[in-house]
Amino acid sequence: MAADSGIRLFKLNNMELLNNEEVTEIFRRWKAANPAPVSELDYVNPFTLLVAVVLSAQATDKGVNKATGPLFKVADTPQKMLALGEEGLISYIKTIGLYKNKAKHVMGLSQKLIDDFGGEVPGNREALMTLPGVGRKTANVVLNVIFHEPTMPVDTHLLRVAPKIGLAEGSTPETVEKSLLERIPPEFLHDAHHWILLHGRYICTARNPKCQECLINDICKHNE
């Protein structure tokens, strides 16, 4: 660490992590290119976002949206979802991976929302994580998108990309989340996970990353 620079420099597996100025510059560029990023999952209210995120586990947003477009026209509340029934739900989501387990989760969370939360999606992580099929990442997505909290949902894209380019240290969702929350400037924190996710989905792909199109290729610590 340079004693007189005021800039923290980290090491991870013999790779440099970005310093504070570089982190700020990365998010400045991403914000300039996409000032108001949004979820690529389609939804019409808090409940449908919650269902969409649960369905998106190990599935693509595109595949989920194709299934939930017709579904949410007939079941956009916990009450309507329960009325549809598990087999009725399966008829809409059977193109999504793990659809049988996900159908059970959606039915379970719909019932619990009615029983414990007056049919409304709760606005705190602990309550959300009591719902069937809802883990920390799903809860963080809901808190960020619906309740505008500066949370950091770590999915497979963030887990792979954030350490790779030098934004975070860690190898588990929890450690990467903690590192990102500590290192991202507060003014960028609310939208940060969207920018990192989109970067991993469309530019810094697992195979054949598009480094020539990358907005941050002069800063990235793993430029290929």
C-alpha atoms as a PDB file:
ATOM      1  CA  MET A   1       0.000   0.000   0.000  1.00  0.00           C
ATOM      2  CA  ALA A   2       1.364   3.379  -0.924  1.00  0.00           C
ATOM      3  CA  ALA A   3       1.724   5.307   2.319  1.00  0.00           C
ATOM      4  CA  ASP A   4       1.238   8.766   0.844  1.00  0.00           C
ATOM      5  CA  SER A   5      -1.284   8.192  -1.945  1.00  0.00           C
ATOM      6  CA  GLY A   6      -4.441   7.759   0.110  1.00  0.00           C
ATOM      7  CA  ILE A   7      -5.443   5.006  -2.347  1.00  0.00           C
ATOM      8  CA  ARG A   8      -5.957   1.476  -1.058  1.00  0.00           C
ATOM      9  CA  LEU A   9      -4.493  -1.270  -3.213  1.00  0.00           C
ATOM     10  CA  PHE A  10      -5.402  -4.904  -2.611  1.00  0.00           C
ATOM     11  CA  LYS A  11      -4.069  -8.226  -3.799  1.00  0.00           C
ATOM     12  CA  LEU A  12      -6.073 -11.337  -4.640  1.00  0.00           C
ATOM     13  CA  ASN A  13      -4.475 -14.535  -5.883  1.00  0.00           C
ATOM     14  CA  ASN A  14      -1.496 -12.481  -7.095  1.00  0.00           C
ATOM     15  CA  MET A  15      -3.860 -10.204  -9.025  1.00  0.00           C
ATOM     16  CA  GLU A  16      -4.347  -6.562  -8.200  1.00  0.00           C
ATOM     17  CA  LEU A  17      -7.714  -5.341  -7.102  1.00  0.00           C
ATOM     18  CA  LEU A  18      -8.807  -1.985  -8.418  1.00  0.00           C
ATOM     19  CA  ASN A  19      -7.948   0.988  -6.257  1.00  0.00           C
ATOM     20  CA  ASN A  20     -10.566   3.468  -5.106  1.00  0.00           C
ATOM     21  CA  GLU A  21     -10.075   5.843  -8.017  1.00  0.00           C
ATOM     22  CA  GLU A  22     -10.345   3.016 -10.559  1.00  0.00           C
ATOM     23  CA  VAL A  23     -13.536   1.684  -8.956  1.00  0.00           C
ATOM     24  CA  THR A  24     -15.068   5.152  -9.125  1.00  0.00           C
ATOM     25  CA  GLU A  25     -14.052   5.565 -12.762  1.00  0.00           C
ATOM     26  CA  ILE A  26     -15.560   2.208 -13.762  1.00  0.00           C
ATOM     27  CA  PHE A  27     -18.931   3.096 -12.290  1.00  0.00           C
ATOM     28  CA  ARG A  28     -18.750   6.616 -13.708  1.00  0.00           C
ATOM     29  CA  ARG A  29     -18.382   5.123 -17.196  1.00  0.00           C
ATOM     30  CA  TRP A  30     -21.137   2.573 -16.688  1.00  0.00           C
ATOM     31  CA  LYS A  31     -23.483   5.259 -15.397  1.00  0.00           C
ATOM     32  CA  ALA A  32     -22.702   7.559 -18.319  1.00  0.00           C
ATOM     33  CA  ALA A  33     -23.515   4.743 -20.757  1.00  0.00           C
ATOM     34  CA  ASN A  34     -26.628   3.515 -18.896  1.00  0.00           C
ATOM     35  CA  PRO A  35     -27.864   6.101 -16.373  1.00  0.00           C
ATOM     36  CA  ALA A  36     -30.918   4.184 -15.160  1.00  0.00           C
ATOM     37  CA  PRO A  37     -30.424   0.407 -15.450  1.00  0.00           C
ATOM     38  CA  VAL A  38     -33.424  -1.787 -14.700  1.00  0.00           C
ATOM     39  CA  SER A  39     -34.089  -5.461 -14.129  1.00  0.00           C
ATOM     40  CA  GLU A  40     -34.459  -7.485 -17.297  1.00  0.00           C
ATOM     41  CA  LEU A  41     -37.124  -9.611 -15.611  1.00  0.00           C
ATOM     42  CA  ASP A  42     -40.648  -8.525 -16.517  1.00  0.00           C
ATOM     43  CA  TYR A  43     -43.014  -7.821 -13.636  1.00  0.00           C
ATOM     44  CA  VAL A  44     -46.097  -5.746 -12.863  1.00  0.00           C
ATOM     45  CA  ASN A  45     -45.949  -5.403  -9.076  1.00  0.00           C
ATOM     46  CA  PRO A  46     -43.832  -6.511  -6.089  1.00  0.00           C
ATOM     47  CA  PHE A  47     -45.411  -9.961  -5.968  1.00  0.00           C
ATOM     48  CA  THR A  48     -44.751 -10.719  -9.618  1.00  0.00           C
ATOM     49  CA  LEU A  49     -41.144  -9.561  -9.303  1.00  0.00           C
ATOM     50  CA  LEU A  50     -40.694 -11.882  -6.346  1.00  0.00           C
ATOM     51  CA  VAL A  51     -42.147 -14.788  -8.328  1.00  0.00           C
ATOM     52  CA  ALA A  52     -40.030 -13.951 -11.386  1.00  0.00           C
ATOM     53  CA  VAL A  53     -36.824 -13.911  -9.349  1.00  0.00           C
ATOM     54  CA  VAL A  54     -37.669 -17.243  -7.729  1.00  0.00           C
ATOM     55  CA  LEU A  55     -38.342 -18.721 -11.169  1.00  0.00           C
ATOM     56  CA  SER A  56     -35.103 -17.274 -12.574  1.00  0.00           C
ATOM     57  CA  ALA A  57     -32.812 -19.488 -10.502  1.00  0.00           C
ATOM     58  CA  GLN A  58     -30.659 -21.486 -12.943  1.00  0.00           C
ATOM     59  CA  ALA A  59     -32.717 -20.086 -15.827  1.00  0.00           C
ATOM     60  CA  THR A  60     -32.395 -17.174 -18.227  1.00  0.00           C
ATOM     61  CA  ASP A  61     -34.388 -13.981 -17.816  1.00  0.00           C
ATOM     62  CA  LYS A  62     -35.555 -14.359 -21.401  1.00  0.00           C
ATOM     63  CA  GLY A  63     -36.939 -17.834 -20.722  1.00  0.00           C
ATOM     64  CA  VAL A  64     -38.624 -16.690 -17.520  1.00  0.00           C
ATOM     65  CA  ASN A  65     -40.214 -13.682 -19.228  1.00  0.00           C
ATOM     66  CA  LYS A  66     -41.613 -15.887 -21.969  1.00  0.00           C
ATOM     67  CA  ALA A  67     -43.393 -17.984 -19.363  1.00  0.00           C
ATOM     68  CA  THR A  68     -44.468 -15.237 -16.976  1.00  0.00           C
ATOM     69  CA  GLY A  69     -45.963 -12.963 -19.628  1.00  0.00           C
ATOM     70  CA  PRO A  70     -49.093 -15.126 -19.925  1.00  0.00           C
ATOM     71  CA  LEU A  71     -48.904 -16.225 -16.257  1.00  0.00           C
ATOM     72  CA  PHE A  72     -49.025 -12.753 -14.764  1.00  0.00           C
ATOM     73  CA  LYS A  73     -52.094 -11.889 -16.818  1.00  0.00           C
ATOM     74  CA  VAL A  74     -54.056 -14.436 -14.814  1.00  0.00           C
ATOM     75  CA  ALA A  75     -52.124 -14.601 -11.508  1.00  0.00           C
ATOM     76  CA  ASP A  76     -50.589 -11.344 -10.350  1.00  0.00           C
ATOM     77  CA  THR A  77     -51.438 -11.658  -6.632  1.00  0.00           C
ATOM     78  CA  PRO A  78     -50.877 -14.395  -4.046  1.00  0.00           C
ATOM     79  CA  GLN A  79     -54.614 -15.049  -3.948  1.00  0.00           C
ATOM     80  CA  LYS A  80     -54.875 -15.528  -7.703  1.00  0.00           C
ATOM     81  CA  MET A  81     -51.755 -17.714  -7.702  1.00  0.00           C
ATOM     82  CA  LEU A  82     -53.277 -20.028  -5.100  1.00  0.00           C
ATOM     83  CA  ALA A  83     -56.537 -20.103  -7.048  1.00  0.00           C
ATOM     84  CA  LEU A  84     -54.598 -21.145 -10.142  1.00  0.00           C
ATOM     85  CA  GLY A  85     -53.157 -24.094  -8.218  1.00  0.00           C
ATOM     86  CA  GLU A  86     -49.872 -25.912  -8.525  1.00  0.00           C
ATOM     87  CA  GLU A  87     -50.811 -27.862 -11.642  1.00  0.00           C
ATOM     88  CA  GLY A  88     -52.209 -24.734 -13.239  1.00  0.00           C
ATOM     89  CA  LEU A  89     -48.968 -22.898 -12.497  1.00  0.00           C
ATOM     90  CA  ILE A  90     -46.915 -25.744 -13.935  1.00  0.00           C
ATOM     91  CA  SER A  91     -48.809 -25.441 -17.214  1.00  0.00           C
ATOM     92  CA  TYR A  92     -47.309 -21.948 -17.570  1.00  0.00           C
ATOM     93  CA  ILE A  93     -43.767 -22.563 -16.289  1.00  0.00           C
ATOM     94  CA  LYS A  94     -42.933 -26.078 -17.524  1.00  0.00           C
ATOM     95  CA  THR A  95     -40.430 -24.641 -20.010  1.00  0.00           C
ATOM     96  CA  ILE A  96     -38.340 -23.332 -17.082  1.00  0.00           C
ATOM     97  CA  GLY A  97     -35.752 -25.566 -15.453  1.00  0.00           C
ATOM     98  CA  LEU A  98     -36.657 -27.140 -12.086  1.00  0.00           C
ATOM     99  CA  TYR A  99     -40.254 -26.099 -12.661  1.00  0.00           C
ATOM    100  CA  LYS A 100     -41.764 -28.646 -10.278  1.00  0.00           C
ATOM    101  CA  ASN A 101     -39.780 -27.447  -7.267  1.00  0.00           C
ATOM    102  CA  LYS A 102     -40.284 -23.831  -8.278  1.00  0.00           C
ATOM    103  CA  ALA A 103     -44.034 -24.348  -8.520  1.00  0.00           C
ATOM    104  CA  LYS A 104     -44.043 -25.677  -4.961  1.00  0.00           C
ATOM    105  CA  HIS A 105     -42.033 -22.657  -3.822  1.00  0.00           C
ATOM    106  CA  VAL A 106     -44.373 -20.194  -5.532  1.00  0.00           C
ATOM    107  CA  MET A 107     -47.413 -21.851  -3.989  1.00  0.00           C
ATOM    108  CA  GLY A 108     -45.730 -21.893  -0.589  1.00  0.00           C
ATOM    109  CA  LEU A 109     -44.622 -18.276  -0.677  1.00  0.00           C
ATOM    110  CA  SER A 110     -48.063 -17.187  -1.896  1.00  0.00           C
ATOM    111  CA  GLN A 111     -49.705 -18.911   1.070  1.00  0.00           C
ATOM    112  CA  LYS A 112     -47.195 -17.486   3.540  1.00  0.00           C
ATOM    113  CA  LEU A 113     -47.607 -13.961   2.174  1.00  0.00           C
ATOM    114  CA  ILE A 114     -51.339 -14.249   2.844  1.00  0.00           C
ATOM    115  CA  ASP A 115     -50.973 -15.920   6.249  1.00  0.00           C
ATOM    116  CA  ASP A 116     -48.144 -13.808   7.668  1.00  0.00           C
ATOM    117  CA  PHE A 117     -47.966 -10.556   5.713  1.00  0.00           C
ATOM    118  CA  GLY A 118     -51.495  -9.642   4.709  1.00  0.00           C
ATOM    119  CA  GLY A 119     -50.834 -10.627   1.103  1.00  0.00           C
ATOM    120  CA  GLU A 120     -48.124  -7.976   0.739  1.00  0.00           C
ATOM    121  CA  VAL A 121     -44.437  -8.483  -0.050  1.00  0.00           C
ATOM    122  CA  PRO A 122     -42.472  -7.504   3.079  1.00  0.00           C
ATOM    123  CA  GLY A 123     -39.767  -4.878   2.856  1.00  0.00           C
ATOM    124  CA  ASN A 124     -37.024  -6.403   4.981  1.00  0.00           C
ATOM    125  CA  ARG A 125     -34.558  -9.183   4.277  1.00  0.00           C
ATOM    126  CA  GLU A 126     -35.302 -11.322   7.310  1.00  0.00           C
ATOM    127  CA  ALA A 127     -39.012 -11.488   6.524  1.00  0.00           C
ATOM    128  CA  LEU A 128     -38.425 -12.143   2.831  1.00  0.00           C
ATOM    129  CA  MET A 129     -36.077 -15.016   3.622  1.00  0.00           C
ATOM    130  CA  THR A 130     -38.807 -16.782   5.587  1.00  0.00           C
ATOM    131  CA  LEU A 131     -40.658 -17.310   2.302  1.00  0.00           C
ATOM    132  CA  PRO A 132     -40.220 -20.675   0.501  1.00  0.00           C
ATOM    133  CA  GLY A 133     -37.652 -20.465  -2.300  1.00  0.00           C
ATOM    134  CA  VAL A 134     -36.348 -17.056  -1.221  1.00  0.00           C
ATOM    135  CA  GLY A 135     -32.665 -16.849  -0.363  1.00  0.00           C
ATOM    136  CA  ARG A 136     -30.451 -13.867   0.276  1.00  0.00           C
ATOM    137  CA  LYS A 137     -29.944 -13.026  -3.412  1.00  0.00           C
ATOM    138  CA  THR A 138     -33.657 -13.076  -4.184  1.00  0.00           C
ATOM    139  CA  ALA A 139     -34.396 -10.979  -1.100  1.00  0.00           C
ATOM    140  CA  ASN A 140     -31.725  -8.480  -2.118  1.00  0.00           C
ATOM    141  CA  VAL A 141     -33.199  -8.162  -5.615  1.00  0.00           C
ATOM    142  CA  VAL A 142     -36.641  -7.383  -4.213  1.00  0.00           C
ATOM    143  CA  LEU A 143     -35.248  -4.905  -1.699  1.00  0.00           C
ATOM    144  CA  ASN A 144     -33.251  -3.149  -4.406  1.00  0.00           C
ATOM    145  CA  VAL A 145     -35.783  -3.064  -7.242  1.00  0.00           C
ATOM    146  CA  ILE A 146     -39.008  -2.583  -5.275  1.00  0.00           C
ATOM    147  CA  PHE A 147     -37.878  -0.854  -2.093  1.00  0.00           C
ATOM    148  CA  HIS A 148     -34.911   1.020  -3.605  1.00  0.00           C
ATOM    149  CA  GLU A 149     -32.433  -0.165  -1.009  1.00  0.00           C
ATOM    150  CA  PRO A 150     -28.711  -0.184  -1.899  1.00  0.00           C
ATOM    151  CA  THR A 151     -28.396  -3.965  -1.665  1.00  0.00           C
ATOM    152  CA  MET A 152     -26.021  -6.183  -3.611  1.00  0.00           C
ATOM    153  CA  PRO A 153     -27.681  -9.311  -5.056  1.00  0.00           C
ATOM    154  CA  VAL A 154     -24.810 -11.607  -6.025  1.00  0.00           C
ATOM    155  CA  ASP A 155     -25.806 -13.975  -8.814  1.00  0.00           C
ATOM    156  CA  THR A 156     -23.537 -16.107 -10.988  1.00  0.00           C
ATOM    157  CA  HIS A 157     -22.563 -13.102 -13.124  1.00  0.00           C
ATOM    158  CA  LEU A 158     -21.466 -10.976 -10.169  1.00  0.00           C
ATOM    159  CA  LEU A 159     -19.741 -13.920  -8.498  1.00  0.00           C
ATOM    160  CA  ARG A 160     -17.688 -14.533 -11.641  1.00  0.00           C
ATOM    161  CA  VAL A 161     -17.104 -11.015 -12.935  1.00  0.00           C
ATOM    162  CA  ALA A 162     -16.548  -8.853  -9.854  1.00  0.00           C
ATOM    163  CA  PRO A 163     -13.405 -10.678  -8.658  1.00  0.00           C
ATOM    164  CA  LYS A 164     -12.200 -11.234 -12.237  1.00  0.00           C
ATOM    165  CA  ILE A 165     -12.044  -7.562 -13.169  1.00  0.00           C
ATOM    166  CA  GLY A 166     -10.747  -6.510  -9.761  1.00  0.00           C
ATOM    167  CA  LEU A 167     -13.892  -5.022  -8.244  1.00  0.00           C
ATOM    168  CA  ALA A 168     -14.158  -7.374  -5.297  1.00  0.00           C
ATOM    169  CA  GLU A 169     -12.429 -10.112  -3.405  1.00  0.00           C
ATOM    170  CA  GLY A 170     -13.961 -13.391  -2.364  1.00  0.00           C
ATOM    171  CA  SER A 171     -15.168 -16.652  -3.858  1.00  0.00           C
ATOM    172  CA  THR A 172     -18.621 -17.018  -2.279  1.00  0.00           C
ATOM    173  CA  PRO A 173     -21.739 -14.879  -2.744  1.00  0.00           C
ATOM    174  CA  GLU A 174     -21.483 -13.617   0.839  1.00  0.00           C
ATOM    175  CA  THR A 175     -17.813 -12.592   0.644  1.00  0.00           C
ATOM    176  CA  VAL A 176     -18.218 -10.945  -2.761  1.00  0.00           C
ATOM    177  CA  GLU A 177     -21.328  -9.101  -1.546  1.00  0.00           C
ATOM    178  CA  LYS A 178     -19.469  -7.815   1.513  1.00  0.00           C
ATOM    179  CA  SER A 179     -16.475  -6.733  -0.556  1.00  0.00           C
ATOM    180  CA  LEU A 180     -18.609  -4.885  -3.108  1.00  0.00           C
ATOM    181  CA  LEU A 181     -20.625  -3.107  -0.421  1.00  0.00           C
ATOM    182  CA  GLU A 182     -17.405  -1.947   1.195  1.00  0.00           C
ATOM    183  CA  ARG A 183     -15.696  -0.788  -1.973  1.00  0.00           C
ATOM    184  CA  ILE A 184     -18.350   0.758  -4.226  1.00  0.00           C
ATOM    185  CA  PRO A 185     -18.881   4.503  -3.687  1.00  0.00           C
ATOM    186  CA  PRO A 186     -22.289   5.208  -2.107  1.00  0.00           C
ATOM    187  CA  GLU A 187     -23.488   7.316  -5.037  1.00  0.00           C
ATOM    188  CA  PHE A 188     -23.295   4.281  -7.335  1.00  0.00           C
ATOM    189  CA  LEU A 189     -24.417   1.588  -4.912  1.00  0.00           C
ATOM    190  CA  HIS A 190     -28.128   1.428  -5.727  1.00  0.00           C
ATOM    191  CA  ASP A 191     -27.596   0.583  -9.412  1.00  0.00           C
ATOM    192  CA  ALA A 192     -24.230  -1.157  -9.073  1.00  0.00           C
ATOM    193  CA  HIS A 193     -25.437  -4.751  -9.276  1.00  0.00           C
ATOM    194  CA  HIS A 194     -27.366  -3.998 -12.483  1.00  0.00           C
ATOM    195  CA  TRP A 195     -24.267  -2.567 -14.160  1.00  0.00           C
ATOM    196  CA  ILE A 196     -22.046  -5.477 -13.085  1.00  0.00           C
ATOM    197  CA  LEU A 197     -24.663  -8.054 -14.110  1.00  0.00           C
ATOM    198  CA  LEU A 198     -25.173  -6.475 -17.536  1.00  0.00           C
ATOM    199  CA  HIS A 199     -21.409  -6.274 -18.012  1.00  0.00           C
ATOM    200  CA  GLY A 200     -21.084  -9.987 -17.274  1.00  0.00           C
ATOM    201  CA  ARG A 201     -24.090 -10.943 -19.377  1.00  0.00           C
ATOM    202  CA  TYR A 202     -23.236  -9.021 -22.540  1.00  0.00           C
ATOM    203  CA  ILE A 203     -19.562  -7.979 -22.493  1.00  0.00           C
ATOM    204  CA  CYS A 204     -17.437  -9.921 -20.009  1.00  0.00           C
ATOM    205  CA  THR A 205     -18.996 -13.243 -20.955  1.00  0.00           C
ATOM    206  CA  ALA A 206     -17.665 -16.518 -19.591  1.00  0.00           C
ATOM    207  CA  ARG A 207     -16.677 -17.592 -23.091  1.00  0.00           C
ATOM    208  CA  ASN A 208     -15.136 -15.202 -25.583  1.00  0.00           C
ATOM    209  CA  PRO A 209     -15.396 -11.969 -23.605  1.00  0.00           C
ATOM    210  CA  LYS A 210     -15.811  -8.900 -25.828  1.00  0.00           C
ATOM    211  CA  CYS A 211     -12.786  -7.017 -24.564  1.00  0.00           C
ATOM    212  CA  GLN A 212     -12.589  -4.838 -27.688  1.00  0.00           C
ATOM    213  CA  GLU A 213     -16.101  -3.513 -26.930  1.00  0.00           C
ATOM    214  CA  CYS A 214     -15.500  -3.108 -23.209  1.00  0.00           C
ATOM    215  CA  LEU A 215     -15.862   0.352 -21.682  1.00  0.00           C
ATOM    216  CA  ILE A 216     -13.376  -0.483 -18.955  1.00  0.00           C
ATOM    217  CA  ASN A 217     -10.770  -2.557 -20.784  1.00  0.00           C
ATOM    218  CA  ASP A 218      -8.010  -0.066 -19.891  1.00  0.00           C
ATOM    219  CA  ILE A 219      -8.782  -0.466 -16.187  1.00  0.00           C
ATOM    220  CA  CYS A 220      -9.773  -4.142 -15.889  1.00  0.00           C
ATOM    221  CA  LYS A 221      -7.219  -6.231 -14.017  1.00  0.00           C
ATOM    222  CA  HIS A 222      -7.907  -9.278 -16.177  1.00  0.00           C
ATOM    223  CA  ASN A 223      -7.994  -7.770 -19.670  1.00  0.00           C
ATOM    224  CA  GLU A 224      -7.756 -10.583 -22.179  1.00  0.00           C
END
